[in-house]
């Protein structure tokens, strides 16, 4: 029998999550079903205090009851070194606040198991880790210089332009060969941030969907297809994309076989990768989603598989 673990969740306000869709909620419900005790805090409550990593949190109990899915206990001062597992499940943006939190959580890991390993969450931003696998990815440029971006578009025609550290489909633009908005978009982004932009060759296969493949401890457990709404290029469910059942292809498995061992060795227990057609476009390690959709479509309890991987490490 698995021993009961003390589990902390660092996440955005739990009261606001969609209990029918949120992956963190599903992971936490599974933890309760396995006899683990839960505490919760928001990212702003994480502190370094004279050599200890602490958080101002609350005990948490969950249930599948829309609109009444959580009960929080009285506030408690937590020493995170006394927990068995801490989940880093706050949503991006992947900014300096996020990066600082990974540095703080580094100080308790691996004695307290932080999922995913914060060193590599920090070291592998979603749109940058894929650069290690150029044979698997579409032609890509990362640049701030407008001349370089124009030269890339001249070589490849239709392109996707997006912010390097964006999420949820925000700021993603599809530019045709004749589109005249590149200068204006570059100017707009330059006023907002000093970061470079990502430009990728447009993949027409996106109209058939953007496949989210979920890997647990480096092994693929299934996939869902996210289909763009009519008139949209973006397939993110935040902007109207529709989730559909889909099978994994031989190419999907080839991609997973290439990246899986590195993810497992770096302590990335729960990862979601994005595949369009035959190409890997992102490796999501910060706060991946898709568990509840996969369970509805295929009956795969990904949360249980995740906890089995964690429990092996804590046994």
C-alpha atoms as a PDB file:
ATOM      1  CA  UNK A   1       0.000   0.000   0.000  1.00  0.00           C
ATOM      2  CA  UNK A   2       1.304   3.455  -0.929  1.00  0.00           C
ATOM      3  CA  UNK A   3       2.116   5.664   2.031  1.00  0.00           C
ATOM      4  CA  UNK A   4       0.164   8.882   2.475  1.00  0.00           C
ATOM      5  CA  UNK A   5       2.057  11.888   1.161  1.00  0.00           C
ATOM      6  CA  UNK A   6       1.887  15.548   2.185  1.00  0.00           C
ATOM      7  CA  UNK A   7       1.310  17.386  -1.088  1.00  0.00           C
ATOM      8  CA  UNK A   8       1.429  21.118  -1.795  1.00  0.00           C
ATOM      9  CA  UNK A   9       0.003  22.876  -4.846  1.00  0.00           C
ATOM     10  CA  UNK A  10       1.422  26.222  -5.942  1.00  0.00           C
ATOM     11  CA  UNK A  11      -1.199  27.408  -8.407  1.00  0.00           C
ATOM     12  CA  UNK A  12      -3.440  30.269  -9.410  1.00  0.00           C
ATOM     13  CA  UNK A  13      -6.616  30.732  -7.312  1.00  0.00           C
ATOM     14  CA  UNK A  14      -8.200  27.298  -6.965  1.00  0.00           C
ATOM     15  CA  UNK A  15     -11.661  28.795  -6.549  1.00  0.00           C
ATOM     16  CA  UNK A  16     -11.571  29.935 -10.185  1.00  0.00           C
ATOM     17  CA  UNK A  17     -10.592  26.678 -11.913  1.00  0.00           C
ATOM     18  CA  UNK A  18     -12.991  24.795 -14.166  1.00  0.00           C
ATOM     19  CA  UNK A  19     -13.511  21.509 -12.360  1.00  0.00           C
ATOM     20  CA  UNK A  20     -14.624  19.853 -15.627  1.00  0.00           C
ATOM     21  CA  UNK A  21     -11.489  20.795 -17.570  1.00  0.00           C
ATOM     22  CA  UNK A  22      -8.593  21.840 -15.357  1.00  0.00           C
ATOM     23  CA  UNK A  23      -5.674  19.394 -15.224  1.00  0.00           C
ATOM     24  CA  UNK A  24      -4.419  20.610 -11.829  1.00  0.00           C
ATOM     25  CA  UNK A  25      -7.849  19.939 -10.343  1.00  0.00           C
ATOM     26  CA  UNK A  26      -7.805  16.414 -11.785  1.00  0.00           C
ATOM     27  CA  UNK A  27      -4.315  15.750 -10.391  1.00  0.00           C
ATOM     28  CA  UNK A  28      -5.382  16.979  -6.953  1.00  0.00           C
ATOM     29  CA  UNK A  29      -8.608  14.923  -6.935  1.00  0.00           C
ATOM     30  CA  UNK A  30      -6.567  11.833  -7.808  1.00  0.00           C
ATOM     31  CA  UNK A  31      -4.157  12.616  -4.963  1.00  0.00           C
ATOM     32  CA  UNK A  32      -7.050  12.718  -2.493  1.00  0.00           C
ATOM     33  CA  UNK A  33      -8.410   9.423  -3.829  1.00  0.00           C
ATOM     34  CA  UNK A  34      -4.996   7.863  -3.151  1.00  0.00           C
ATOM     35  CA  UNK A  35      -5.018   9.046   0.468  1.00  0.00           C
ATOM     36  CA  UNK A  36      -2.666  12.007   0.168  1.00  0.00           C
ATOM     37  CA  UNK A  37      -3.284  15.241   2.115  1.00  0.00           C
ATOM     38  CA  UNK A  38      -3.329  18.553   0.253  1.00  0.00           C
ATOM     39  CA  UNK A  39      -2.348  22.140   0.965  1.00  0.00           C
ATOM     40  CA  UNK A  40      -2.509  25.041  -1.465  1.00  0.00           C
ATOM     41  CA  UNK A  41      -1.036  28.497  -1.935  1.00  0.00           C
ATOM     42  CA  UNK A  42      -0.859  31.099  -4.680  1.00  0.00           C
ATOM     43  CA  UNK A  43       2.540  32.078  -6.169  1.00  0.00           C
ATOM     44  CA  UNK A  44       2.638  35.417  -4.336  1.00  0.00           C
ATOM     45  CA  UNK A  45       2.633  33.544  -1.000  1.00  0.00           C
ATOM     46  CA  UNK A  46       5.969  31.785  -1.614  1.00  0.00           C
ATOM     47  CA  UNK A  47       8.832  33.265   0.436  1.00  0.00           C
ATOM     48  CA  UNK A  48      12.471  32.729   1.405  1.00  0.00           C
ATOM     49  CA  UNK A  49      12.741  33.331   5.149  1.00  0.00           C
ATOM     50  CA  UNK A  50      16.144  33.038   6.844  1.00  0.00           C
ATOM     51  CA  UNK A  51      17.184  29.896   5.014  1.00  0.00           C
ATOM     52  CA  UNK A  52      13.745  28.269   4.821  1.00  0.00           C
ATOM     53  CA  UNK A  53      11.334  28.180   1.883  1.00  0.00           C
ATOM     54  CA  UNK A  54       7.898  28.881   3.272  1.00  0.00           C
ATOM     55  CA  UNK A  55       4.397  29.646   2.038  1.00  0.00           C
ATOM     56  CA  UNK A  56       1.241  31.069   3.551  1.00  0.00           C
ATOM     57  CA  UNK A  57      -1.240  28.388   2.511  1.00  0.00           C
ATOM     58  CA  UNK A  58      -4.441  26.550   3.378  1.00  0.00           C
ATOM     59  CA  UNK A  59      -5.462  22.887   3.613  1.00  0.00           C
ATOM     60  CA  UNK A  60      -7.600  21.917   0.617  1.00  0.00           C
ATOM     61  CA  UNK A  61     -10.360  19.409  -0.043  1.00  0.00           C
ATOM     62  CA  UNK A  62     -11.866  18.973  -3.512  1.00  0.00           C
ATOM     63  CA  UNK A  63     -14.987  17.456  -5.028  1.00  0.00           C
ATOM     64  CA  UNK A  64     -16.548  17.185  -8.475  1.00  0.00           C
ATOM     65  CA  UNK A  65     -19.354  19.630  -7.830  1.00  0.00           C
ATOM     66  CA  UNK A  66     -19.546  22.536 -10.258  1.00  0.00           C
ATOM     67  CA  UNK A  67     -19.513  25.836  -8.407  1.00  0.00           C
ATOM     68  CA  UNK A  68     -18.722  24.131  -5.105  1.00  0.00           C
ATOM     69  CA  UNK A  69     -15.579  22.181  -5.945  1.00  0.00           C
ATOM     70  CA  UNK A  70     -13.263  23.251  -3.112  1.00  0.00           C
ATOM     71  CA  UNK A  71     -13.215  23.651   0.649  1.00  0.00           C
ATOM     72  CA  UNK A  72     -10.260  25.521   2.148  1.00  0.00           C
ATOM     73  CA  UNK A  73      -9.177  25.219   5.764  1.00  0.00           C
ATOM     74  CA  UNK A  74      -7.776  27.888   8.052  1.00  0.00           C
ATOM     75  CA  UNK A  75      -4.545  29.608   6.904  1.00  0.00           C
ATOM     76  CA  UNK A  76      -1.313  27.901   7.934  1.00  0.00           C
ATOM     77  CA  UNK A  77       2.360  28.842   7.758  1.00  0.00           C
ATOM     78  CA  UNK A  78       4.082  26.088   5.770  1.00  0.00           C
ATOM     79  CA  UNK A  79       7.714  25.020   5.768  1.00  0.00           C
ATOM     80  CA  UNK A  80       7.901  23.408   2.339  1.00  0.00           C
ATOM     81  CA  UNK A  81      10.789  21.181   3.388  1.00  0.00           C
ATOM     82  CA  UNK A  82       8.238  19.314   5.541  1.00  0.00           C
ATOM     83  CA  UNK A  83       6.147  18.363   2.482  1.00  0.00           C
ATOM     84  CA  UNK A  84       6.752  15.254   0.395  1.00  0.00           C
ATOM     85  CA  UNK A  85       5.695  16.743  -2.955  1.00  0.00           C
ATOM     86  CA  UNK A  86       5.187  20.270  -4.278  1.00  0.00           C
ATOM     87  CA  UNK A  87       3.389  20.865  -7.564  1.00  0.00           C
ATOM     88  CA  UNK A  88       4.522  23.911  -9.572  1.00  0.00           C
ATOM     89  CA  UNK A  89       1.239  24.510 -11.404  1.00  0.00           C
ATOM     90  CA  UNK A  90       0.933  28.266 -11.778  1.00  0.00           C
ATOM     91  CA  UNK A  91       0.046  29.413 -15.266  1.00  0.00           C
ATOM     92  CA  UNK A  92       2.430  31.482 -17.378  1.00  0.00           C
ATOM     93  CA  UNK A  93       3.408  34.201 -18.316  1.00  0.00           C
ATOM     94  CA  UNK A  94       6.918  32.865 -18.018  1.00  0.00           C
ATOM     95  CA  UNK A  95       8.335  36.109 -16.626  1.00  0.00           C
ATOM     96  CA  UNK A  96      10.851  37.053 -13.949  1.00  0.00           C
ATOM     97  CA  UNK A  97       8.322  36.321 -11.189  1.00  0.00           C
ATOM     98  CA  UNK A  98       7.924  32.776 -12.546  1.00  0.00           C
ATOM     99  CA  UNK A  99      11.674  32.346 -12.913  1.00  0.00           C
ATOM    100  CA  UNK A 100      12.256  33.603  -9.348  1.00  0.00           C
ATOM    101  CA  UNK A 101       9.787  31.031  -8.023  1.00  0.00           C
ATOM    102  CA  UNK A 102      11.726  28.247  -9.740  1.00  0.00           C
ATOM    103  CA  UNK A 103      14.927  29.459  -8.062  1.00  0.00           C
ATOM    104  CA  UNK A 104      13.238  29.385  -4.656  1.00  0.00           C
ATOM    105  CA  UNK A 105      11.758  25.925  -5.199  1.00  0.00           C
ATOM    106  CA  UNK A 106      15.182  24.666  -6.293  1.00  0.00           C
ATOM    107  CA  UNK A 107      16.187  25.058  -2.643  1.00  0.00           C
ATOM    108  CA  UNK A 108      13.869  22.268  -1.449  1.00  0.00           C
ATOM    109  CA  UNK A 109      14.152  19.909  -4.437  1.00  0.00           C
ATOM    110  CA  UNK A 110      14.731  16.936  -4.587  1.00  0.00           C
ATOM    111  CA  UNK A 111      14.392  16.267  -0.833  1.00  0.00           C
ATOM    112  CA  UNK A 112      10.894  17.626  -1.341  1.00  0.00           C
ATOM    113  CA  UNK A 113       9.998  16.455  -4.843  1.00  0.00           C
ATOM    114  CA  UNK A 114       9.012  19.448  -6.979  1.00  0.00           C
ATOM    115  CA  UNK A 115       6.970  18.526 -10.067  1.00  0.00           C
ATOM    116  CA  UNK A 116       8.113  19.405 -12.618  1.00  0.00           C
ATOM    117  CA  UNK A 117      11.806  19.817 -11.667  1.00  0.00           C
ATOM    118  CA  UNK A 118      12.121  23.634 -11.383  1.00  0.00           C
ATOM    119  CA  UNK A 119      15.678  23.787 -12.740  1.00  0.00           C
ATOM    120  CA  UNK A 120      14.550  22.401 -16.072  1.00  0.00           C
ATOM    121  CA  UNK A 121      11.228  24.220 -16.096  1.00  0.00           C
ATOM    122  CA  UNK A 122      13.367  27.349 -15.977  1.00  0.00           C
ATOM    123  CA  UNK A 123      15.934  26.005 -18.431  1.00  0.00           C
ATOM    124  CA  UNK A 124      13.470  24.726 -21.042  1.00  0.00           C
ATOM    125  CA  UNK A 125      10.935  27.403 -21.986  1.00  0.00           C
ATOM    126  CA  UNK A 126       8.217  25.947 -24.232  1.00  0.00           C
ATOM    127  CA  UNK A 127       9.333  27.476 -27.512  1.00  0.00           C
ATOM    128  CA  UNK A 128      13.079  27.084 -26.918  1.00  0.00           C
ATOM    129  CA  UNK A 129      13.544  23.436 -25.963  1.00  0.00           C
ATOM    130  CA  UNK A 130      12.283  22.376 -29.396  1.00  0.00           C
ATOM    131  CA  UNK A 131      15.370  24.029 -30.913  1.00  0.00           C
ATOM    132  CA  UNK A 132      17.340  21.007 -29.696  1.00  0.00           C
ATOM    133  CA  UNK A 133      15.409  18.884 -32.209  1.00  0.00           C
ATOM    134  CA  UNK A 134      15.676  20.677 -35.580  1.00  0.00           C
ATOM    135  CA  UNK A 135      14.880  17.484 -37.532  1.00  0.00           C
ATOM    136  CA  UNK A 136      11.503  17.300 -35.795  1.00  0.00           C
ATOM    137  CA  UNK A 137      10.440  20.935 -36.031  1.00  0.00           C
ATOM    138  CA  UNK A 138       9.305  23.305 -38.792  1.00  0.00           C
ATOM    139  CA  UNK A 139      11.757  25.962 -40.069  1.00  0.00           C
ATOM    140  CA  UNK A 140      12.059  28.488 -37.233  1.00  0.00           C
ATOM    141  CA  UNK A 141      13.665  31.860 -36.578  1.00  0.00           C
ATOM    142  CA  UNK A 142      13.997  33.639 -33.233  1.00  0.00           C
ATOM    143  CA  UNK A 143      14.980  37.241 -33.713  1.00  0.00           C
ATOM    144  CA  UNK A 144      14.259  40.797 -32.661  1.00  0.00           C
ATOM    145  CA  UNK A 145      15.784  42.367 -35.762  1.00  0.00           C
ATOM    146  CA  UNK A 146      13.099  43.148 -38.344  1.00  0.00           C
ATOM    147  CA  UNK A 147      15.443  42.643 -41.280  1.00  0.00           C
ATOM    148  CA  UNK A 148      16.133  39.059 -40.193  1.00  0.00           C
ATOM    149  CA  UNK A 149      12.434  38.320 -39.783  1.00  0.00           C
ATOM    150  CA  UNK A 150      11.698  39.711 -43.251  1.00  0.00           C
ATOM    151  CA  UNK A 151      14.447  37.576 -44.772  1.00  0.00           C
ATOM    152  CA  UNK A 152      12.987  34.461 -43.120  1.00  0.00           C
ATOM    153  CA  UNK A 153       9.535  35.237 -44.538  1.00  0.00           C
ATOM    154  CA  UNK A 154      10.985  35.771 -47.986  1.00  0.00           C
ATOM    155  CA  UNK A 155      12.454  32.264 -47.829  1.00  0.00           C
ATOM    156  CA  UNK A 156       9.349  30.524 -46.531  1.00  0.00           C
ATOM    157  CA  UNK A 157       6.313  32.551 -47.636  1.00  0.00           C
ATOM    158  CA  UNK A 158       3.429  32.091 -45.202  1.00  0.00           C
ATOM    159  CA  UNK A 159       4.576  32.257 -41.588  1.00  0.00           C
ATOM    160  CA  UNK A 160       3.372  32.315 -38.006  1.00  0.00           C
ATOM    161  CA  UNK A 161       4.614  35.167 -35.819  1.00  0.00           C
ATOM    162  CA  UNK A 162       4.290  34.901 -32.029  1.00  0.00           C
ATOM    163  CA  UNK A 163       5.860  36.147 -28.783  1.00  0.00           C
ATOM    164  CA  UNK A 164       8.624  33.956 -27.382  1.00  0.00           C
ATOM    165  CA  UNK A 165       7.106  33.661 -23.918  1.00  0.00           C
ATOM    166  CA  UNK A 166       3.413  33.896 -24.760  1.00  0.00           C
ATOM    167  CA  UNK A 167       0.806  31.300 -23.868  1.00  0.00           C
ATOM    168  CA  UNK A 168      -2.771  30.314 -24.592  1.00  0.00           C
ATOM    169  CA  UNK A 169      -2.576  31.507 -28.203  1.00  0.00           C
ATOM    170  CA  UNK A 170      -2.209  35.168 -27.207  1.00  0.00           C
ATOM    171  CA  UNK A 171      -0.380  37.301 -29.764  1.00  0.00           C
ATOM    172  CA  UNK A 172      -0.180  34.604 -32.463  1.00  0.00           C
ATOM    173  CA  UNK A 173      -0.451  35.931 -36.030  1.00  0.00           C
ATOM    174  CA  UNK A 174      -0.703  34.132 -39.378  1.00  0.00           C
ATOM    175  CA  UNK A 175       0.958  36.225 -42.084  1.00  0.00           C
ATOM    176  CA  UNK A 176       0.487  35.389 -45.739  1.00  0.00           C
ATOM    177  CA  UNK A 177       3.135  36.152 -48.331  1.00  0.00           C
ATOM    178  CA  UNK A 178       1.274  39.343 -49.261  1.00  0.00           C
ATOM    179  CA  UNK A 179       0.430  40.480 -45.749  1.00  0.00           C
ATOM    180  CA  UNK A 180       1.738  44.010 -45.120  1.00  0.00           C
ATOM    181  CA  UNK A 181       1.426  44.035 -41.339  1.00  0.00           C
ATOM    182  CA  UNK A 182       4.829  42.661 -40.334  1.00  0.00           C
ATOM    183  CA  UNK A 183       6.343  46.136 -39.787  1.00  0.00           C
ATOM    184  CA  UNK A 184       3.399  47.233 -37.654  1.00  0.00           C
ATOM    185  CA  UNK A 185       3.367  44.038 -35.615  1.00  0.00           C
ATOM    186  CA  UNK A 186       7.096  44.265 -35.014  1.00  0.00           C
ATOM    187  CA  UNK A 187       6.652  47.854 -33.842  1.00  0.00           C
ATOM    188  CA  UNK A 188       3.795  46.829 -31.529  1.00  0.00           C
ATOM    189  CA  UNK A 189       5.713  43.937 -29.971  1.00  0.00           C
ATOM    190  CA  UNK A 190       8.838  46.100 -29.597  1.00  0.00           C
ATOM    191  CA  UNK A 191       6.850  48.612 -27.532  1.00  0.00           C
ATOM    192  CA  UNK A 192       5.582  45.823 -25.272  1.00  0.00           C
ATOM    193  CA  UNK A 193       8.761  43.833 -24.626  1.00  0.00           C
ATOM    194  CA  UNK A 194      12.501  43.605 -25.272  1.00  0.00           C
ATOM    195  CA  UNK A 195      12.251  39.902 -26.040  1.00  0.00           C
ATOM    196  CA  UNK A 196      12.782  38.472 -29.535  1.00  0.00           C
ATOM    197  CA  UNK A 197       9.915  37.042 -31.562  1.00  0.00           C
ATOM    198  CA  UNK A 198       9.386  33.558 -32.921  1.00  0.00           C
ATOM    199  CA  UNK A 199       8.662  33.105 -36.619  1.00  0.00           C
ATOM    200  CA  UNK A 200       7.866  29.680 -38.036  1.00  0.00           C
ATOM    201  CA  UNK A 201       6.935  28.420 -41.463  1.00  0.00           C
ATOM    202  CA  UNK A 202       3.159  28.096 -41.627  1.00  0.00           C
ATOM    203  CA  UNK A 203       1.945  24.487 -41.559  1.00  0.00           C
ATOM    204  CA  UNK A 204      -1.307  24.091 -43.537  1.00  0.00           C
ATOM    205  CA  UNK A 205      -2.000  20.900 -41.551  1.00  0.00           C
ATOM    206  CA  UNK A 206      -3.036  23.131 -38.628  1.00  0.00           C
ATOM    207  CA  UNK A 207      -6.489  23.417 -40.200  1.00  0.00           C
ATOM    208  CA  UNK A 208      -6.952  19.730 -39.341  1.00  0.00           C
ATOM    209  CA  UNK A 209      -5.841  20.333 -35.764  1.00  0.00           C
ATOM    210  CA  UNK A 210      -2.970  20.863 -33.365  1.00  0.00           C
ATOM    211  CA  UNK A 211      -2.334  17.590 -31.550  1.00  0.00           C
ATOM    212  CA  UNK A 212      -1.554  17.686 -27.822  1.00  0.00           C
ATOM    213  CA  UNK A 213       0.352  14.551 -26.793  1.00  0.00           C
ATOM    214  CA  UNK A 214       0.733  13.916 -23.071  1.00  0.00           C
ATOM    215  CA  UNK A 215       3.888  12.265 -21.761  1.00  0.00           C
ATOM    216  CA  UNK A 216       4.278  10.905 -18.238  1.00  0.00           C
ATOM    217  CA  UNK A 217       7.839  10.295 -17.089  1.00  0.00           C
ATOM    218  CA  UNK A 218       8.973  10.448 -20.726  1.00  0.00           C
ATOM    219  CA  UNK A 219       6.383   7.988 -22.094  1.00  0.00           C
ATOM    220  CA  UNK A 220       3.399   9.010 -24.257  1.00  0.00           C
ATOM    221  CA  UNK A 221       0.045   8.038 -22.734  1.00  0.00           C
ATOM    222  CA  UNK A 222      -2.262   9.453 -25.421  1.00  0.00           C
ATOM    223  CA  UNK A 223      -3.293  12.492 -27.409  1.00  0.00           C
ATOM    224  CA  UNK A 224      -6.150  14.872 -28.106  1.00  0.00           C
ATOM    225  CA  UNK A 225      -6.653  16.973 -31.208  1.00  0.00           C
ATOM    226  CA  UNK A 226      -7.422  20.677 -30.872  1.00  0.00           C
ATOM    227  CA  UNK A 227      -9.212  22.000 -33.946  1.00  0.00           C
ATOM    228  CA  UNK A 228      -9.319  25.745 -34.662  1.00  0.00           C
ATOM    229  CA  UNK A 229     -12.656  27.514 -34.720  1.00  0.00           C
ATOM    230  CA  UNK A 230     -13.870  28.635 -38.135  1.00  0.00           C
ATOM    231  CA  UNK A 231     -11.828  31.601 -39.325  1.00  0.00           C
ATOM    232  CA  UNK A 232      -9.092  30.993 -36.723  1.00  0.00           C
ATOM    233  CA  UNK A 233      -5.497  29.825 -37.087  1.00  0.00           C
ATOM    234  CA  UNK A 234      -5.035  29.226 -33.364  1.00  0.00           C
ATOM    235  CA  UNK A 235      -6.290  25.939 -31.980  1.00  0.00           C
ATOM    236  CA  UNK A 236      -5.906  26.794 -28.280  1.00  0.00           C
ATOM    237  CA  UNK A 237      -9.049  26.021 -26.317  1.00  0.00           C
ATOM    238  CA  UNK A 238      -8.719  29.431 -24.635  1.00  0.00           C
ATOM    239  CA  UNK A 239      -9.629  31.013 -27.982  1.00  0.00           C
ATOM    240  CA  UNK A 240     -12.393  28.674 -29.116  1.00  0.00           C
ATOM    241  CA  UNK A 241     -10.479  25.584 -30.246  1.00  0.00           C
ATOM    242  CA  UNK A 242     -12.417  22.321 -30.060  1.00  0.00           C
ATOM    243  CA  UNK A 243     -10.975  19.178 -28.493  1.00  0.00           C
ATOM    244  CA  UNK A 244     -11.486  15.927 -30.423  1.00  0.00           C
ATOM    245  CA  UNK A 245     -10.494  12.296 -30.004  1.00  0.00           C
ATOM    246  CA  UNK A 246      -7.426  11.341 -32.046  1.00  0.00           C
ATOM    247  CA  UNK A 247      -5.035   8.413 -32.382  1.00  0.00           C
ATOM    248  CA  UNK A 248      -1.257   8.700 -32.246  1.00  0.00           C
ATOM    249  CA  UNK A 249       0.633   8.102 -35.488  1.00  0.00           C
ATOM    250  CA  UNK A 250       3.991   6.445 -36.108  1.00  0.00           C
ATOM    251  CA  UNK A 251       5.479   9.927 -36.533  1.00  0.00           C
ATOM    252  CA  UNK A 252       4.061  10.999 -33.156  1.00  0.00           C
ATOM    253  CA  UNK A 253       5.724   8.010 -31.524  1.00  0.00           C
ATOM    254  CA  UNK A 254       9.000   8.775 -33.300  1.00  0.00           C
ATOM    255  CA  UNK A 255       8.910  12.304 -31.866  1.00  0.00           C
ATOM    256  CA  UNK A 256       8.143  11.016 -28.369  1.00  0.00           C
ATOM    257  CA  UNK A 257      10.937   8.438 -28.565  1.00  0.00           C
ATOM    258  CA  UNK A 258      13.399  11.201 -29.450  1.00  0.00           C
ATOM    259  CA  UNK A 259      12.472  13.610 -26.651  1.00  0.00           C
ATOM    260  CA  UNK A 260      11.089  11.294 -23.940  1.00  0.00           C
ATOM    261  CA  UNK A 261      14.376  10.148 -22.383  1.00  0.00           C
ATOM    262  CA  UNK A 262      15.593  13.724 -21.968  1.00  0.00           C
ATOM    263  CA  UNK A 263      12.335  14.733 -20.300  1.00  0.00           C
ATOM    264  CA  UNK A 264      12.458  11.784 -17.908  1.00  0.00           C
ATOM    265  CA  UNK A 265      16.129  12.355 -17.004  1.00  0.00           C
ATOM    266  CA  UNK A 266      15.377  16.021 -16.265  1.00  0.00           C
ATOM    267  CA  UNK A 267      12.507  15.230 -13.893  1.00  0.00           C
ATOM    268  CA  UNK A 268       9.741  16.426 -16.197  1.00  0.00           C
ATOM    269  CA  UNK A 269       7.021  14.051 -15.032  1.00  0.00           C
ATOM    270  CA  UNK A 270       4.006  15.691 -16.705  1.00  0.00           C
ATOM    271  CA  UNK A 271       4.630  17.190 -20.161  1.00  0.00           C
ATOM    272  CA  UNK A 272       2.379  18.163 -23.053  1.00  0.00           C
ATOM    273  CA  UNK A 273       3.883  18.478 -26.517  1.00  0.00           C
ATOM    274  CA  UNK A 274       2.232  20.085 -29.539  1.00  0.00           C
ATOM    275  CA  UNK A 275       2.427  18.433 -32.959  1.00  0.00           C
ATOM    276  CA  UNK A 276       1.049  19.859 -36.208  1.00  0.00           C
ATOM    277  CA  UNK A 277       1.113  17.362 -39.060  1.00  0.00           C
ATOM    278  CA  UNK A 278       4.540  15.769 -38.854  1.00  0.00           C
ATOM    279  CA  UNK A 279       6.204  18.554 -36.868  1.00  0.00           C
ATOM    280  CA  UNK A 280       6.872  19.205 -33.195  1.00  0.00           C
ATOM    281  CA  UNK A 281       6.079  22.858 -32.409  1.00  0.00           C
ATOM    282  CA  UNK A 282       6.217  23.178 -28.594  1.00  0.00           C
ATOM    283  CA  UNK A 283       7.236  21.211 -25.493  1.00  0.00           C
ATOM    284  CA  UNK A 284       5.110  22.403 -22.570  1.00  0.00           C
ATOM    285  CA  UNK A 285       6.683  21.814 -19.152  1.00  0.00           C
ATOM    286  CA  UNK A 286       5.396  24.767 -17.110  1.00  0.00           C
ATOM    287  CA  UNK A 287       1.703  23.973 -16.657  1.00  0.00           C
ATOM    288  CA  UNK A 288       0.555  21.518 -19.353  1.00  0.00           C
ATOM    289  CA  UNK A 289      -3.120  20.696 -19.826  1.00  0.00           C
ATOM    290  CA  UNK A 290      -5.268  18.046 -21.501  1.00  0.00           C
ATOM    291  CA  UNK A 291      -5.697  15.371 -18.807  1.00  0.00           C
ATOM    292  CA  UNK A 292      -9.460  15.627 -18.474  1.00  0.00           C
ATOM    293  CA  UNK A 293     -10.071  15.666 -22.230  1.00  0.00           C
ATOM    294  CA  UNK A 294      -7.871  12.590 -22.698  1.00  0.00           C
ATOM    295  CA  UNK A 295      -9.741  10.772 -19.943  1.00  0.00           C
ATOM    296  CA  UNK A 296     -13.119  11.586 -21.517  1.00  0.00           C
ATOM    297  CA  UNK A 297     -12.077  10.477 -24.999  1.00  0.00           C
ATOM    298  CA  UNK A 298      -9.911   7.421 -24.278  1.00  0.00           C
ATOM    299  CA  UNK A 299     -10.658   6.493 -20.681  1.00  0.00           C
ATOM    300  CA  UNK A 300      -6.967   6.979 -19.853  1.00  0.00           C
ATOM    301  CA  UNK A 301      -6.496   8.080 -16.250  1.00  0.00           C
ATOM    302  CA  UNK A 302      -3.402  10.179 -16.819  1.00  0.00           C
ATOM    303  CA  UNK A 303      -3.560  11.604 -13.291  1.00  0.00           C
ATOM    304  CA  UNK A 304      -3.203   8.094 -11.847  1.00  0.00           C
ATOM    305  CA  UNK A 305      -0.200   7.399 -14.081  1.00  0.00           C
ATOM    306  CA  UNK A 306       1.381  10.653 -12.938  1.00  0.00           C
ATOM    307  CA  UNK A 307       0.896   9.754  -9.284  1.00  0.00           C
ATOM    308  CA  UNK A 308       2.329   6.295  -9.857  1.00  0.00           C
ATOM    309  CA  UNK A 309       5.489   7.941 -11.211  1.00  0.00           C
ATOM    310  CA  UNK A 310       5.649  10.275  -8.206  1.00  0.00           C
ATOM    311  CA  UNK A 311       4.966   7.518  -5.684  1.00  0.00           C
ATOM    312  CA  UNK A 312       7.798   5.435  -7.143  1.00  0.00           C
ATOM    313  CA  UNK A 313      10.148   8.298  -6.393  1.00  0.00           C
ATOM    314  CA  UNK A 314       8.793   8.775  -2.846  1.00  0.00           C
ATOM    315  CA  UNK A 315       8.652   5.104  -1.836  1.00  0.00           C
END
